N, C-alpha and C. Protein backbone atom coordinates (compact mmCIF):
# COMPACT_ATOMS: atom_id res chain seq x y z
N MET A 1 14.51 -5.56 -2.13
CA MET A 1 13.08 -4.35 -2.00
C MET A 1 12.02 -5.08 -1.83
N SER A 2 11.32 -4.73 -0.74
CA SER A 2 10.00 -5.08 -0.23
C SER A 2 9.05 -5.47 -1.27
N ALA A 3 8.09 -6.39 -0.67
CA ALA A 3 6.92 -6.50 -1.34
C ALA A 3 6.29 -5.69 -2.12
N GLU A 4 5.90 -4.56 -1.40
CA GLU A 4 5.10 -3.15 -1.74
C GLU A 4 6.17 -2.32 -2.47
N GLU A 5 7.36 -2.58 -2.63
CA GLU A 5 7.71 -1.60 -3.74
C GLU A 5 8.12 -2.36 -4.80
N ILE A 6 8.07 -4.07 -4.84
CA ILE A 6 8.23 -4.94 -5.75
C ILE A 6 6.50 -4.35 -6.70
N ALA A 7 5.73 -4.55 -5.83
CA ALA A 7 4.20 -3.90 -6.41
C ALA A 7 4.12 -2.50 -7.09
N GLU A 8 4.58 -1.76 -6.74
CA GLU A 8 5.03 -0.44 -7.26
C GLU A 8 5.60 -0.73 -8.46
N ALA A 9 6.89 -1.20 -8.50
CA ALA A 9 7.76 -0.90 -10.18
C ALA A 9 7.02 -2.07 -10.97
N THR A 10 6.55 -3.23 -10.32
CA THR A 10 5.88 -3.95 -11.75
C THR A 10 4.46 -3.45 -11.93
N GLY A 11 3.82 -3.22 -11.20
CA GLY A 11 2.48 -2.67 -11.35
C GLY A 11 1.44 -3.59 -11.23
N LEU A 12 2.13 -4.40 -10.41
CA LEU A 12 1.01 -5.83 -10.19
C LEU A 12 0.70 -5.25 -8.51
N PRO A 13 -0.73 -5.99 -8.49
CA PRO A 13 -1.26 -6.07 -7.17
C PRO A 13 -0.35 -6.64 -6.04
N ARG A 14 -0.54 -5.88 -4.75
CA ARG A 14 0.66 -6.17 -4.02
C ARG A 14 0.21 -7.86 -3.33
N GLY A 15 -1.27 -7.93 -3.54
CA GLY A 15 -1.67 -9.99 -3.35
C GLY A 15 -0.68 -10.67 -4.30
N LYS A 16 -0.64 -10.15 -5.28
CA LYS A 16 0.09 -11.23 -6.14
C LYS A 16 1.44 -11.32 -5.82
N VAL A 17 2.26 -9.95 -5.70
CA VAL A 17 3.33 -10.45 -5.55
C VAL A 17 3.91 -11.17 -4.32
N ASN A 18 3.08 -10.71 -3.17
CA ASN A 18 3.09 -11.53 -2.43
C ASN A 18 3.16 -12.83 -1.94
N ALA A 19 1.92 -13.43 -3.22
CA ALA A 19 1.76 -14.73 -3.49
C ALA A 19 2.82 -15.30 -4.06
N SER A 20 3.53 -14.99 -4.71
CA SER A 20 4.26 -15.03 -5.77
C SER A 20 5.32 -15.31 -5.59
N LEU A 21 6.02 -14.32 -4.14
CA LEU A 21 6.98 -14.57 -3.30
C LEU A 21 6.76 -16.05 -2.51
N THR A 22 5.74 -16.04 -1.73
CA THR A 22 5.38 -16.92 -1.06
C THR A 22 5.64 -18.49 -1.52
N ASN A 23 4.79 -18.64 -2.82
CA ASN A 23 5.12 -19.85 -3.41
C ASN A 23 6.49 -20.31 -3.98
N ALA A 24 7.08 -18.93 -4.61
CA ALA A 24 8.42 -19.32 -4.92
C ALA A 24 9.54 -19.95 -3.86
N ARG A 25 9.43 -19.10 -2.70
CA ARG A 25 10.01 -19.56 -1.60
C ARG A 25 9.60 -20.68 -0.79
N ALA A 26 8.52 -21.21 -1.16
CA ALA A 26 7.99 -22.31 -0.14
C ALA A 26 8.62 -23.33 -1.38
N ASN A 27 8.19 -23.39 -2.72
CA ASN A 27 8.08 -24.62 -3.44
C ASN A 27 9.87 -24.64 -3.96
N HIS A 28 10.77 -23.75 -4.07
CA HIS A 28 12.14 -23.86 -4.23
C HIS A 28 13.08 -23.08 -2.93
N PRO A 29 13.47 -23.41 -1.71
CA PRO A 29 13.85 -22.52 -0.68
C PRO A 29 15.10 -22.88 -1.21
N GLY A 30 15.38 -20.89 -0.66
CA GLY A 30 17.01 -20.77 -1.17
C GLY A 30 17.35 -20.42 -2.21
N LYS A 31 16.18 -20.76 -3.48
CA LYS A 31 16.93 -21.23 -4.84
C LYS A 31 16.79 -19.68 -5.65
N PHE A 32 15.73 -18.92 -5.42
CA PHE A 32 15.51 -17.57 -6.48
C PHE A 32 15.70 -16.04 -5.56
N PHE A 33 14.66 -16.59 -4.66
CA PHE A 33 14.54 -15.23 -3.68
C PHE A 33 15.24 -15.44 -2.39
N ARG A 34 15.64 -14.68 -1.38
CA ARG A 34 16.13 -14.70 -0.19
C ARG A 34 15.97 -13.30 0.33
N ILE A 35 15.67 -13.31 1.76
CA ILE A 35 15.47 -12.39 2.85
C ILE A 35 16.78 -11.74 2.86
N SER A 36 16.97 -10.50 2.51
CA SER A 36 18.61 -10.07 2.37
C SER A 36 18.45 -9.51 3.69
N ARG A 37 17.23 -8.45 4.02
CA ARG A 37 17.58 -7.96 5.48
C ARG A 37 16.28 -7.71 5.79
N TRP A 38 15.74 -7.05 7.38
CA TRP A 38 14.61 -6.51 7.84
C TRP A 38 14.60 -5.15 8.01
N GLN A 39 13.39 -4.82 7.75
CA GLN A 39 13.43 -3.19 7.80
C GLN A 39 12.27 -3.15 8.56
N PHE A 40 12.48 -2.01 10.20
CA PHE A 40 11.57 -1.92 11.00
C PHE A 40 10.61 -1.08 10.48
N GLN A 41 9.44 -1.46 10.90
CA GLN A 41 8.45 -0.76 10.55
C GLN A 41 8.24 0.74 10.71
N VAL A 42 8.02 2.13 10.27
CA VAL A 42 8.29 3.19 10.38
C VAL A 42 6.79 3.88 10.05
N GLY A 43 5.95 4.79 11.22
CA GLY A 43 4.64 5.12 10.94
C GLY A 43 3.52 4.34 10.90
N ARG A 44 3.62 2.72 11.12
CA ARG A 44 2.69 2.04 11.37
C ARG A 44 3.03 0.86 12.16
N LYS A 45 1.86 0.38 12.62
CA LYS A 45 2.11 -0.69 13.42
C LYS A 45 2.54 -2.05 12.80
N GLY A 46 3.32 -3.19 13.63
CA GLY A 46 3.63 -4.06 13.17
C GLY A 46 4.77 -4.62 12.87
N ARG A 47 5.35 -6.00 13.12
CA ARG A 47 6.45 -6.35 12.89
C ARG A 47 7.35 -5.66 11.75
N GLU A 48 8.57 -6.30 11.44
CA GLU A 48 9.64 -6.16 10.70
C GLU A 48 8.70 -6.43 9.16
N THR A 49 9.78 -5.58 8.07
CA THR A 49 9.31 -6.01 6.39
C THR A 49 10.43 -6.44 6.20
N PRO A 50 10.17 -7.87 5.57
CA PRO A 50 11.39 -8.45 4.49
C PRO A 50 11.73 -7.53 3.34
N ILE A 51 12.67 -7.24 3.29
CA ILE A 51 13.64 -6.81 1.92
C ILE A 51 14.08 -8.09 1.29
N TYR A 52 13.55 -8.41 0.39
CA TYR A 52 13.97 -9.52 -0.59
C TYR A 52 14.68 -9.04 -1.67
N ALA A 53 15.78 -10.43 -2.05
CA ALA A 53 17.17 -9.97 -3.15
C ALA A 53 17.04 -11.46 -3.56
N ALA A 54 16.87 -10.83 -5.19
CA ALA A 54 16.75 -11.63 -6.28
C ALA A 54 18.02 -12.36 -6.39
N ALA A 55 18.14 -13.53 -5.65
CA ALA A 55 19.82 -14.47 -5.34
C ALA A 55 19.37 -15.43 -4.62
N PRO A 56 20.07 -16.53 -4.68
CA PRO A 56 20.18 -17.37 -3.80
C PRO A 56 20.61 -17.10 -2.50
N GLY A 57 20.31 -18.28 -1.71
CA GLY A 57 21.26 -17.97 -0.15
C GLY A 57 20.34 -18.23 0.91
N ARG A 58 20.77 -18.12 1.82
CA ARG A 58 20.08 -17.96 3.08
C ARG A 58 19.24 -16.92 3.70
N ASP A 59 18.54 -16.86 4.29
CA ASP A 59 17.70 -15.98 4.54
C ASP A 59 18.41 -15.00 5.73
N ALA A 60 18.23 -13.77 6.20
CA ALA A 60 18.72 -13.25 7.31
C ALA A 60 18.20 -13.53 8.28
N GLU A 61 18.51 -13.48 9.45
CA GLU A 61 18.03 -14.03 11.01
C GLU A 61 16.92 -12.63 10.85
N ARG A 62 15.58 -12.97 11.63
CA ARG A 62 14.88 -11.94 11.51
C ARG A 62 15.03 -11.76 13.37
N PRO A 63 14.93 -10.26 13.28
CA PRO A 63 15.22 -9.83 14.79
C PRO A 63 14.48 -9.77 15.89
N ALA A 64 14.72 -10.48 16.89
CA ALA A 64 14.14 -10.45 18.09
C ALA A 64 12.86 -9.40 18.40
N PHE A 65 11.66 -9.70 18.56
CA PHE A 65 10.77 -8.89 19.03
C PHE A 65 10.32 -8.91 20.54
N ASP A 66 11.59 -8.85 21.49
CA ASP A 66 11.49 -8.73 22.38
C ASP A 66 11.27 -7.66 23.67
N GLU A 67 10.72 -7.65 24.63
CA GLU A 67 10.38 -7.04 25.71
C GLU A 67 10.53 -5.02 25.42
N ALA A 68 12.32 -5.42 25.23
CA ALA A 68 12.99 -3.72 24.84
C ALA A 68 11.84 -3.22 23.66
N HIS A 69 11.85 -4.03 22.69
CA HIS A 69 11.21 -3.52 21.15
C HIS A 69 9.71 -3.21 21.52
N ARG A 70 9.00 -3.80 22.30
CA ARG A 70 7.65 -3.72 22.75
C ARG A 70 7.66 -2.54 23.77
N LYS A 71 8.64 -2.44 25.16
CA LYS A 71 8.39 -0.91 25.45
C LYS A 71 8.70 0.07 24.87
N ALA A 72 9.69 0.03 23.99
CA ALA A 72 10.06 1.51 22.99
C ALA A 72 8.64 1.40 22.22
N ALA A 73 8.25 0.73 21.64
CA ALA A 73 6.70 1.01 20.82
C ALA A 73 5.66 1.81 21.60
N ASN A 74 5.53 1.03 23.09
CA ASN A 74 4.86 1.98 23.83
C ASN A 74 5.20 3.16 24.20
N GLN A 75 6.18 3.32 24.55
CA GLN A 75 6.67 4.66 24.79
C GLN A 75 6.02 5.70 23.81
N ARG A 76 6.82 5.20 22.60
CA ARG A 76 6.27 6.11 21.31
C ARG A 76 4.77 6.37 21.24
N ASN A 77 4.03 5.47 21.48
CA ASN A 77 2.87 5.69 21.13
C ASN A 77 2.32 6.38 22.39
N TYR A 78 2.99 6.51 23.87
CA TYR A 78 2.23 7.04 24.41
C TYR A 78 2.72 8.83 24.27
N ARG A 79 3.74 8.86 23.99
CA ARG A 79 4.20 10.51 23.61
C ARG A 79 3.58 10.67 22.56
N ALA A 80 3.25 10.14 21.84
CA ALA A 80 2.31 10.74 20.50
C ALA A 80 1.06 11.10 20.84
N ASN A 81 0.60 10.04 22.04
CA ASN A 81 -0.88 10.57 21.84
C ASN A 81 -1.40 10.96 22.98
N ARG A 82 -0.60 11.56 23.87
CA ARG A 82 -0.86 11.96 25.52
C ARG A 82 -0.97 13.46 25.37
N ALA A 83 -1.44 14.22 24.69
CA ALA A 83 -1.86 15.07 24.43
C ALA A 83 -3.05 15.15 23.99
N ARG A 84 -3.65 14.02 23.28
CA ARG A 84 -5.16 13.95 22.80
C ARG A 84 -5.71 13.11 24.06
N TRP A 85 -5.05 12.42 24.60
CA TRP A 85 -5.52 11.50 25.89
C TRP A 85 -6.08 12.93 27.04
N ALA A 86 -5.27 13.75 27.52
CA ALA A 86 -5.40 14.71 28.69
C ALA A 86 -6.70 15.39 28.39
N ALA A 87 -6.90 15.37 26.66
CA ALA A 87 -7.94 17.04 26.37
C ALA A 87 -9.17 16.00 26.39
N GLN A 88 -9.12 14.58 26.09
CA GLN A 88 -10.41 13.75 26.11
C GLN A 88 -10.81 13.70 27.90
N ARG A 89 -9.73 13.42 28.61
CA ARG A 89 -10.09 13.70 30.12
C ARG A 89 -10.80 14.85 30.31
N LYS A 90 -10.01 15.71 29.88
CA LYS A 90 -10.46 17.18 30.72
C LYS A 90 -11.94 17.69 29.73
N ARG A 91 -12.18 17.03 28.84
CA ARG A 91 -13.52 17.13 28.23
C ARG A 91 -14.77 16.54 28.86
N ARG A 92 -14.26 14.99 29.28
CA ARG A 92 -14.86 14.24 30.23
C ARG A 92 -15.14 14.83 31.42
N ALA A 93 -14.38 15.15 31.96
CA ALA A 93 -14.27 15.47 33.49
C ALA A 93 -15.55 16.51 33.85
N GLY A 94 -16.59 16.16 34.88
CA GLY A 94 -17.33 16.91 35.09
C GLY A 94 -17.23 17.29 36.74
N VAL A 95 -18.28 17.84 36.96
CA VAL A 95 -18.10 18.32 38.46
C VAL A 95 -18.02 16.95 39.23
N ALA A 96 -16.81 17.16 40.43
CA ALA A 96 -16.55 16.30 41.32
C ALA A 96 -17.88 15.84 42.17
N THR A 97 -18.67 14.58 42.17
CA THR A 97 -19.56 13.98 42.93
C THR A 97 -19.07 13.25 43.70
N SER A 98 -19.77 12.94 45.01
CA SER A 98 -19.64 11.71 46.07
C SER A 98 -20.20 10.51 45.40
N PRO A 99 -19.69 9.24 46.04
CA PRO A 99 -20.38 8.17 45.33
C PRO A 99 -21.56 7.87 46.15
N TRP A 100 -21.84 8.92 47.19
CA TRP A 100 -22.80 8.57 48.19
C TRP A 100 -24.13 9.74 47.73
N ALA A 101 -23.73 10.40 46.58
CA ALA A 101 -24.84 11.42 46.29
C ALA A 101 -26.24 10.46 46.14
N GLY A 102 -26.13 9.18 45.26
CA GLY A 102 -27.23 8.54 45.01
C GLY A 102 -28.30 8.05 46.21
N LEU A 103 -27.55 8.08 47.16
CA LEU A 103 -28.39 7.23 48.53
C LEU A 103 -29.56 8.85 49.14
N ILE A 104 -28.74 10.07 48.75
CA ILE A 104 -29.59 11.15 49.42
C ILE A 104 -30.63 11.42 48.54
N PRO A 105 -31.82 11.74 49.10
CA PRO A 105 -33.01 12.31 48.10
C PRO A 105 -32.84 13.35 47.39
N MET A 106 -33.39 13.61 46.17
CA MET A 106 -33.27 14.91 45.66
C MET A 106 -33.54 15.91 46.40
N GLU A 107 -34.62 15.93 47.05
CA GLU A 107 -35.30 17.28 47.70
C GLU A 107 -34.06 17.42 48.67
N THR A 108 -33.16 16.81 49.48
CA THR A 108 -32.48 17.23 50.31
C THR A 108 -31.09 17.63 49.67
N ARG A 109 -30.94 17.18 48.65
CA ARG A 109 -29.44 17.33 48.08
C ARG A 109 -29.08 18.78 48.00
N PRO A 110 -27.95 19.27 48.40
CA PRO A 110 -27.49 20.80 48.16
C PRO A 110 -27.59 21.29 46.77
């Protein structure tokens, strides 16, 4: 179970659950809790979520958050937001003006 799921199941605040897990793992490494696997975030940003098991042993290796993961996340973000960005660009687009228009006096401008 993740810390969030443990908090829901026990009714304790998530901060207290996180602190308890952190203290138990720091003071008694590999004795009471271990990270059985890592779960990728779905629908939110951030690194992987640790899934804890109430068993002694070694933690599972944390997956590498390398360039391939970063590129895939950026592509998902682009696909999810490109229509909104296009609408914003279209809304902000005004009449095309010349960069030299400021140098021409107002009376002589077309």
